[in-house]
Amino acid sequence: MSRRKPAAIRWDHVTDNHAAILEAYFSLYQERDATTIGSGELLRWFAERGRTAPSEALIRTVLADVQAPRRGGGRPAHATAPVETRPPLLPVPIVRPQPPRPRRSPPR
């Protein structure tokens, strides 16, 4: 059985961006299950508060460094996908290509 490696973040070098990411994570953690929190939810949290969000790559790096439980990468499960509210698209009619037109010679 493998042991978890120690957190890679150096707490004496935490930047304002790191602190903001952790603030957003733990704010969401109070309201939601940790496995439903991902970088998209953190970006939305920043946008709702009118704050400038750090890059998504930095968010993922910080959460991995502190080994915070979070939603895995990729798309959310089908059960949590948003419900389709618009009617399905109608099939596109097939348009037959026009036969090539004969080439006209330039006037002399």
C-alpha atoms as a PDB file:
ATOM      1  CA  MET A   1       0.000   0.000   0.000  1.00  0.00           C
ATOM      2  CA  SER A   2       1.443   3.361  -0.987  1.00  0.00           C
ATOM      3  CA  ARG A   3       1.702   6.247   1.404  1.00  0.00           C
ATOM      4  CA  ARG A   4       0.637   9.729   0.426  1.00  0.00           C
ATOM      5  CA  LYS A   5       3.535  12.023  -0.230  1.00  0.00           C
ATOM      6  CA  PRO A   6       3.752  15.201   1.868  1.00  0.00           C
ATOM      7  CA  ALA A   7       2.226  18.374   0.498  1.00  0.00           C
ATOM      8  CA  ALA A   8       4.530  20.056  -2.008  1.00  0.00           C
ATOM      9  CA  ILE A   9       3.490  23.643  -1.280  1.00  0.00           C
ATOM     10  CA  ARG A  10       5.883  25.680   0.815  1.00  0.00           C
ATOM     11  CA  TRP A  11       3.757  27.549   3.326  1.00  0.00           C
ATOM     12  CA  ASP A  12       6.359  30.258   3.808  1.00  0.00           C
ATOM     13  CA  HIS A  13       6.098  31.111   0.073  1.00  0.00           C
ATOM     14  CA  VAL A  14       2.304  31.294  -0.320  1.00  0.00           C
ATOM     15  CA  THR A  15       1.377  34.079  -2.726  1.00  0.00           C
ATOM     16  CA  ASP A  16      -1.815  36.134  -2.851  1.00  0.00           C
ATOM     17  CA  ASN A  17      -3.055  33.922  -5.694  1.00  0.00           C
ATOM     18  CA  HIS A  18      -2.452  30.760  -3.656  1.00  0.00           C
ATOM     19  CA  ALA A  19      -4.318  32.252  -0.719  1.00  0.00           C
ATOM     20  CA  ALA A  20      -7.240  33.328  -2.931  1.00  0.00           C
ATOM     21  CA  ILE A  21      -7.495  29.837  -4.444  1.00  0.00           C
ATOM     22  CA  LEU A  22      -7.515  28.204  -1.033  1.00  0.00           C
ATOM     23  CA  GLU A  23     -10.073  30.748   0.212  1.00  0.00           C
ATOM     24  CA  ALA A  24     -12.362  29.917  -2.716  1.00  0.00           C
ATOM     25  CA  TYR A  25     -11.881  26.176  -2.255  1.00  0.00           C
ATOM     26  CA  PHE A  26     -12.675  26.174   1.450  1.00  0.00           C
ATOM     27  CA  SER A  27     -15.607  28.529   0.935  1.00  0.00           C
ATOM     28  CA  LEU A  28     -17.118  26.040  -1.513  1.00  0.00           C
ATOM     29  CA  TYR A  29     -16.069  23.126   0.706  1.00  0.00           C
ATOM     30  CA  GLN A  30     -18.374  24.416   3.456  1.00  0.00           C
ATOM     31  CA  GLU A  31     -21.381  24.199   1.132  1.00  0.00           C
ATOM     32  CA  ARG A  32     -20.598  21.235  -1.135  1.00  0.00           C
ATOM     33  CA  ASP A  33     -19.067  17.797  -1.223  1.00  0.00           C
ATOM     34  CA  ALA A  34     -15.341  17.970  -2.010  1.00  0.00           C
ATOM     35  CA  THR A  35     -15.678  15.644  -5.005  1.00  0.00           C
ATOM     36  CA  THR A  36     -17.969  18.176  -6.707  1.00  0.00           C
ATOM     37  CA  ILE A  37     -15.422  21.004  -6.536  1.00  0.00           C
ATOM     38  CA  GLY A  38     -13.156  21.487  -9.543  1.00  0.00           C
ATOM     39  CA  SER A  39     -11.313  24.323 -11.204  1.00  0.00           C
ATOM     40  CA  GLY A  40     -14.471  25.365 -13.088  1.00  0.00           C
ATOM     41  CA  GLU A  41     -16.370  25.827  -9.840  1.00  0.00           C
ATOM     42  CA  LEU A  42     -13.530  27.896  -8.409  1.00  0.00           C
ATOM     43  CA  LEU A  43     -13.426  30.103 -11.520  1.00  0.00           C
ATOM     44  CA  ARG A  44     -17.196  30.598 -11.202  1.00  0.00           C
ATOM     45  CA  TRP A  45     -16.746  31.496  -7.505  1.00  0.00           C
ATOM     46  CA  PHE A  46     -14.300  34.260  -8.437  1.00  0.00           C
ATOM     47  CA  ALA A  47     -16.599  35.564 -11.195  1.00  0.00           C
ATOM     48  CA  GLU A  48     -19.632  35.694  -8.875  1.00  0.00           C
ATOM     49  CA  ARG A  49     -17.690  37.899  -6.486  1.00  0.00           C
ATOM     50  CA  GLY A  50     -16.290  40.142  -9.215  1.00  0.00           C
ATOM     51  CA  ARG A  51     -12.713  39.140  -8.446  1.00  0.00           C
ATOM     52  CA  THR A  52      -9.972  38.429 -10.943  1.00  0.00           C
ATOM     53  CA  ALA A  53      -9.390  34.695 -11.030  1.00  0.00           C
ATOM     54  CA  PRO A  54      -5.941  33.134 -11.285  1.00  0.00           C
ATOM     55  CA  SER A  55      -5.311  30.857 -14.242  1.00  0.00           C
ATOM     56  CA  GLU A  56      -6.994  27.474 -14.314  1.00  0.00           C
ATOM     57  CA  ALA A  57      -3.584  25.798 -14.475  1.00  0.00           C
ATOM     58  CA  LEU A  58      -2.491  27.533 -11.260  1.00  0.00           C
ATOM     59  CA  ILE A  59      -5.733  26.490  -9.549  1.00  0.00           C
ATOM     60  CA  ARG A  60      -5.153  22.852 -10.483  1.00  0.00           C
ATOM     61  CA  THR A  61      -1.516  23.024  -9.416  1.00  0.00           C
ATOM     62  CA  VAL A  62      -2.306  24.533  -6.012  1.00  0.00           C
ATOM     63  CA  LEU A  63      -5.083  22.017  -5.275  1.00  0.00           C
ATOM     64  CA  ALA A  64      -2.773  19.154  -6.273  1.00  0.00           C
ATOM     65  CA  ASP A  65       0.075  20.560  -4.162  1.00  0.00           C
ATOM     66  CA  VAL A  66      -2.032  20.730  -1.004  1.00  0.00           C
ATOM     67  CA  GLN A  67      -3.631  17.372  -1.888  1.00  0.00           C
ATOM     68  CA  ALA A  68      -7.121  18.771  -1.501  1.00  0.00           C
ATOM     69  CA  PRO A  69      -9.875  16.283  -2.323  1.00  0.00           C
ATOM     70  CA  ARG A  70     -11.521  17.504  -5.502  1.00  0.00           C
ATOM     71  CA  ARG A  71     -13.468  16.487  -8.560  1.00  0.00           C
ATOM     72  CA  GLY A  72     -11.379  14.524 -11.015  1.00  0.00           C
ATOM     73  CA  GLY A  73     -10.415  15.834 -14.418  1.00  0.00           C
ATOM     74  CA  GLY A  74     -12.568  15.490 -17.483  1.00  0.00           C
ATOM     75  CA  ARG A  75     -16.253  16.011 -17.970  1.00  0.00           C
ATOM     76  CA  PRO A  76     -18.765  15.646 -15.124  1.00  0.00           C
ATOM     77  CA  ALA A  77     -20.717  12.415 -14.915  1.00  0.00           C
ATOM     78  CA  HIS A  78     -23.760  11.999 -17.159  1.00  0.00           C
ATOM     79  CA  ALA A  79     -26.070  12.028 -14.141  1.00  0.00           C
ATOM     80  CA  THR A  80     -24.977  15.568 -13.266  1.00  0.00           C
ATOM     81  CA  ALA A  81     -25.099  16.922 -16.806  1.00  0.00           C
ATOM     82  CA  PRO A  82     -27.447  19.882 -17.368  1.00  0.00           C
ATOM     83  CA  VAL A  83     -30.897  19.076 -18.711  1.00  0.00           C
ATOM     84  CA  GLU A  84     -31.495  19.910 -22.387  1.00  0.00           C
ATOM     85  CA  THR A  85     -34.246  22.553 -22.526  1.00  0.00           C
ATOM     86  CA  ARG A  86     -34.366  23.450 -26.212  1.00  0.00           C
ATOM     87  CA  PRO A  87     -36.063  21.288 -28.844  1.00  0.00           C
ATOM     88  CA  PRO A  88     -33.821  18.986 -30.850  1.00  0.00           C
ATOM     89  CA  LEU A  89     -32.431  20.319 -34.094  1.00  0.00           C
ATOM     90  CA  LEU A  90     -34.201  19.350 -37.297  1.00  0.00           C
ATOM     91  CA  PRO A  91     -32.188  17.332 -39.794  1.00  0.00           C
ATOM     92  CA  VAL A  92     -30.369  19.372 -42.386  1.00  0.00           C
ATOM     93  CA  PRO A  93     -31.780  18.856 -45.891  1.00  0.00           C
ATOM     94  CA  ILE A  94     -29.381  17.235 -48.317  1.00  0.00           C
ATOM     95  CA  VAL A  95     -28.336  19.577 -51.082  1.00  0.00           C
ATOM     96  CA  ARG A  96     -27.149  17.939 -54.263  1.00  0.00           C
ATOM     97  CA  PRO A  97     -24.007  19.462 -55.687  1.00  0.00           C
ATOM     98  CA  GLN A  98     -24.389  21.295 -58.967  1.00  0.00           C
ATOM     99  CA  PRO A  99     -22.620  19.749 -61.960  1.00  0.00           C
ATOM    100  CA  PRO A 100     -19.521  21.678 -62.987  1.00  0.00           C
ATOM    101  CA  ARG A 101     -20.191  24.401 -65.527  1.00  0.00           C
ATOM    102  CA  PRO A 102     -18.225  24.360 -68.749  1.00  0.00           C
ATOM    103  CA  ARG A 103     -15.298  26.687 -68.755  1.00  0.00           C
ATOM    104  CA  ARG A 104     -15.675  29.743 -70.920  1.00  0.00           C
ATOM    105  CA  SER A 105     -12.754  30.932 -72.915  1.00  0.00           C
ATOM    106  CA  PRO A 106     -11.762  34.578 -72.436  1.00  0.00           C
ATOM    107  CA  PRO A 107     -12.833  37.046 -75.138  1.00  0.00           C
ATOM    108  CA  ARG A 108     -10.289  37.707 -77.893  1.00  0.00           C
END
